[in-house]
Amino acid sequence: MPSIAQNALKGTKLTILVGTFYVPENNTQIEQLARDVGRETGMDIHVERFAGDELGTKTAAVVGSGRGADLSIGVEFDTYLYAPKLVDLTEMADEIGKTYGGRSYSVSCCTGA
């Protein structure tokens, strides 16, 4: 990662909401990624896990209040309900997918607007 990006991110905080996955390796993979990115950038990254329908409820509360988390990772997330308060990151996700492999779906991030 370029030093400019590292310096810009150092000391910032990122809170990620994510569900608990059926495959245990998926759960540990997200935590490891957060630790790696935090170590490389100096960011304070916190992963909050929710079981079952709790993730949707928590995400709705965050979007409604504009506080509490920066990113929600979910499956079949009803982004259309929150469109005015979300930022479309599809272009960025597509670029990352082309560079590093993988496929992006609907990618949105809470802005707190």
C-alpha atoms as a PDB file:
ATOM      1  CA  MET A   1       0.000   0.000   0.000  1.00  0.00           C
ATOM      2  CA  PRO A   2       1.439   3.433  -0.888  1.00  0.00           C
ATOM      3  CA  SER A   3       2.732   5.420   2.074  1.00  0.00           C
ATOM      4  CA  ILE A   4       0.375   8.317   1.236  1.00  0.00           C
ATOM      5  CA  ALA A   5      -2.644   6.066   1.781  1.00  0.00           C
ATOM      6  CA  GLN A   6      -1.126   4.612   4.943  1.00  0.00           C
ATOM      7  CA  ASN A   7      -0.526   8.055   6.422  1.00  0.00           C
ATOM      8  CA  ALA A   8      -4.030   9.243   5.518  1.00  0.00           C
ATOM      9  CA  LEU A   9      -5.646   6.238   7.217  1.00  0.00           C
ATOM     10  CA  LYS A  10      -3.454   6.061  10.315  1.00  0.00           C
ATOM     11  CA  GLY A  11      -5.488   6.620  13.463  1.00  0.00           C
ATOM     12  CA  THR A  12      -8.861   6.457  11.694  1.00  0.00           C
ATOM     13  CA  LYS A  13     -11.579   4.077  12.853  1.00  0.00           C
ATOM     14  CA  LEU A  14     -13.685   1.659  10.831  1.00  0.00           C
ATOM     15  CA  THR A  15     -16.608  -0.334  12.209  1.00  0.00           C
ATOM     16  CA  ILE A  16     -17.890  -3.233  10.134  1.00  0.00           C
ATOM     17  CA  LEU A  17     -21.213  -4.991  10.734  1.00  0.00           C
ATOM     18  CA  VAL A  18     -21.338  -8.573   9.531  1.00  0.00           C
ATOM     19  CA  GLY A  19     -23.406 -11.673  10.135  1.00  0.00           C
ATOM     20  CA  THR A  20     -22.206 -14.985  11.449  1.00  0.00           C
ATOM     21  CA  PHE A  21     -21.569 -17.350   8.563  1.00  0.00           C
ATOM     22  CA  TYR A  22     -22.347 -21.060   8.476  1.00  0.00           C
ATOM     23  CA  VAL A  23     -18.823 -21.872   7.290  1.00  0.00           C
ATOM     24  CA  PRO A  24     -16.458 -21.085  10.199  1.00  0.00           C
ATOM     25  CA  GLU A  25     -13.566 -20.206   7.886  1.00  0.00           C
ATOM     26  CA  ASN A  26     -15.591 -17.275   6.506  1.00  0.00           C
ATOM     27  CA  ASN A  27     -15.905 -15.861  10.011  1.00  0.00           C
ATOM     28  CA  THR A  28     -12.187 -16.047  10.739  1.00  0.00           C
ATOM     29  CA  GLN A  29     -11.285 -14.740   7.277  1.00  0.00           C
ATOM     30  CA  ILE A  30     -13.019 -11.390   7.881  1.00  0.00           C
ATOM     31  CA  GLU A  31     -11.343 -10.963  11.280  1.00  0.00           C
ATOM     32  CA  GLN A  32      -7.939 -11.773   9.765  1.00  0.00           C
ATOM     33  CA  LEU A  33      -8.498  -9.319   6.916  1.00  0.00           C
ATOM     34  CA  ALA A  34      -9.439  -6.591   9.411  1.00  0.00           C
ATOM     35  CA  ARG A  35      -6.289  -7.293  11.459  1.00  0.00           C
ATOM     36  CA  ASP A  36      -4.082  -7.268   8.344  1.00  0.00           C
ATOM     37  CA  VAL A  37      -5.524  -4.023   6.991  1.00  0.00           C
ATOM     38  CA  GLY A  38      -5.336  -2.428  10.436  1.00  0.00           C
ATOM     39  CA  ARG A  39      -1.693  -3.404  10.811  1.00  0.00           C
ATOM     40  CA  GLU A  40      -0.784  -2.149   7.315  1.00  0.00           C
ATOM     41  CA  THR A  41      -2.661   1.155   7.559  1.00  0.00           C
ATOM     42  CA  GLY A  42      -2.659   2.002  11.251  1.00  0.00           C
ATOM     43  CA  MET A  43      -6.472   1.982  11.254  1.00  0.00           C
ATOM     44  CA  ASP A  44      -8.498   0.840  14.245  1.00  0.00           C
ATOM     45  CA  ILE A  45     -10.890  -1.698  12.689  1.00  0.00           C
ATOM     46  CA  HIS A  46     -13.684  -3.219  14.742  1.00  0.00           C
ATOM     47  CA  VAL A  47     -15.829  -6.098  13.432  1.00  0.00           C
ATOM     48  CA  GLU A  48     -19.262  -6.498  15.029  1.00  0.00           C
ATOM     49  CA  ARG A  49     -20.964  -9.883  14.480  1.00  0.00           C
ATOM     50  CA  PHE A  50     -24.696 -10.501  14.510  1.00  0.00           C
ATOM     51  CA  ALA A  51     -26.615 -13.764  14.297  1.00  0.00           C
ATOM     52  CA  GLY A  52     -29.623 -14.390  12.094  1.00  0.00           C
ATOM     53  CA  ASP A  53     -31.906 -11.414  11.470  1.00  0.00           C
ATOM     54  CA  GLU A  54     -30.039  -9.196  13.952  1.00  0.00           C
ATOM     55  CA  LEU A  55     -27.733  -7.867  11.202  1.00  0.00           C
ATOM     56  CA  GLY A  56     -30.625  -6.403   9.215  1.00  0.00           C
ATOM     57  CA  THR A  57     -32.104  -4.802  12.304  1.00  0.00           C
ATOM     58  CA  LYS A  58     -28.768  -3.301  13.367  1.00  0.00           C
ATOM     59  CA  THR A  59     -28.044  -2.061   9.841  1.00  0.00           C
ATOM     60  CA  ALA A  60     -31.463  -0.403   9.639  1.00  0.00           C
ATOM     61  CA  ALA A  61     -30.814   1.344  12.966  1.00  0.00           C
ATOM     62  CA  VAL A  62     -27.391   2.579  11.784  1.00  0.00           C
ATOM     63  CA  VAL A  63     -28.735   3.849   8.468  1.00  0.00           C
ATOM     64  CA  GLY A  64     -31.697   5.503  10.175  1.00  0.00           C
ATOM     65  CA  SER A  65     -29.582   7.275  12.782  1.00  0.00           C
ATOM     66  CA  GLY A  66     -26.480   7.887  10.649  1.00  0.00           C
ATOM     67  CA  ARG A  67     -24.331   6.591  13.513  1.00  0.00           C
ATOM     68  CA  GLY A  68     -22.780   3.380  14.735  1.00  0.00           C
ATOM     69  CA  ALA A  69     -20.999   1.732  11.813  1.00  0.00           C
ATOM     70  CA  ASP A  70     -19.249   2.486   8.550  1.00  0.00           C
ATOM     71  CA  LEU A  71     -19.817  -0.692   6.567  1.00  0.00           C
ATOM     72  CA  SER A  72     -22.350  -3.525   6.603  1.00  0.00           C
ATOM     73  CA  ILE A  73     -21.585  -6.821   4.900  1.00  0.00           C
ATOM     74  CA  GLY A  74     -24.707  -8.847   4.262  1.00  0.00           C
ATOM     75  CA  VAL A  75     -26.486 -11.115   1.843  1.00  0.00           C
ATOM     76  CA  GLU A  76     -29.699  -9.982   0.166  1.00  0.00           C
ATOM     77  CA  PHE A  77     -29.431  -6.660   1.966  1.00  0.00           C
ATOM     78  CA  ASP A  78     -32.341  -4.369   1.083  1.00  0.00           C
ATOM     79  CA  THR A  79     -30.221  -1.478  -0.170  1.00  0.00           C
ATOM     80  CA  TYR A  80     -33.143  -0.033  -2.147  1.00  0.00           C
ATOM     81  CA  LEU A  81     -34.831   0.811   1.170  1.00  0.00           C
ATOM     82  CA  TYR A  82     -31.882   2.964   2.223  1.00  0.00           C
ATOM     83  CA  ALA A  83     -30.771   4.339  -1.163  1.00  0.00           C
ATOM     84  CA  PRO A  84     -30.848   8.034  -0.172  1.00  0.00           C
ATOM     85  CA  LYS A  85     -28.366   7.345   2.640  1.00  0.00           C
ATOM     86  CA  LEU A  86     -26.012   4.982   0.804  1.00  0.00           C
ATOM     87  CA  VAL A  87     -23.070   5.534  -1.492  1.00  0.00           C
ATOM     88  CA  ASP A  88     -22.807   3.274  -4.534  1.00  0.00           C
ATOM     89  CA  LEU A  89     -19.358   1.673  -4.548  1.00  0.00           C
ATOM     90  CA  THR A  90     -19.950  -0.590  -7.543  1.00  0.00           C
ATOM     91  CA  GLU A  91     -17.380   1.229  -9.706  1.00  0.00           C
ATOM     92  CA  MET A  92     -14.695   0.856  -7.047  1.00  0.00           C
ATOM     93  CA  ALA A  93     -15.609  -2.796  -6.407  1.00  0.00           C
ATOM     94  CA  ASP A  94     -15.449  -3.541 -10.143  1.00  0.00           C
ATOM     95  CA  GLU A  95     -11.987  -1.955 -10.346  1.00  0.00           C
ATOM     96  CA  ILE A  96     -10.793  -4.007  -7.372  1.00  0.00           C
ATOM     97  CA  GLY A  97     -12.294  -7.135  -8.919  1.00  0.00           C
ATOM     98  CA  LYS A  98     -10.496  -6.526 -12.211  1.00  0.00           C
ATOM     99  CA  THR A  99      -7.196  -5.855 -10.441  1.00  0.00           C
ATOM    100  CA  TYR A 100      -7.272  -8.612  -7.834  1.00  0.00           C
ATOM    101  CA  GLY A 101      -9.872 -11.037  -9.139  1.00  0.00           C
ATOM    102  CA  GLY A 102     -13.330 -11.781  -7.848  1.00  0.00           C
ATOM    103  CA  ARG A 103     -16.782 -10.495  -8.601  1.00  0.00           C
ATOM    104  CA  SER A 104     -18.634  -7.549  -7.180  1.00  0.00           C
ATOM    105  CA  TYR A 105     -22.343  -7.429  -6.584  1.00  0.00           C
ATOM    106  CA  SER A 106     -24.374  -4.565  -5.209  1.00  0.00           C
ATOM    107  CA  VAL A 107     -21.885  -2.670  -3.053  1.00  0.00           C
ATOM    108  CA  SER A 108     -23.051   0.223  -0.918  1.00  0.00           C
ATOM    109  CA  CYS A 109     -21.690   2.001   2.133  1.00  0.00           C
ATOM    110  CA  CYS A 110     -23.503   4.021   4.772  1.00  0.00           C
ATOM    111  CA  THR A 111     -22.696   7.719   4.624  1.00  0.00           C
ATOM    112  CA  GLY A 112     -24.674   8.840   7.617  1.00  0.00           C
ATOM    113  CA  ALA A 113     -26.279  11.506   5.447  1.00  0.00           C
END
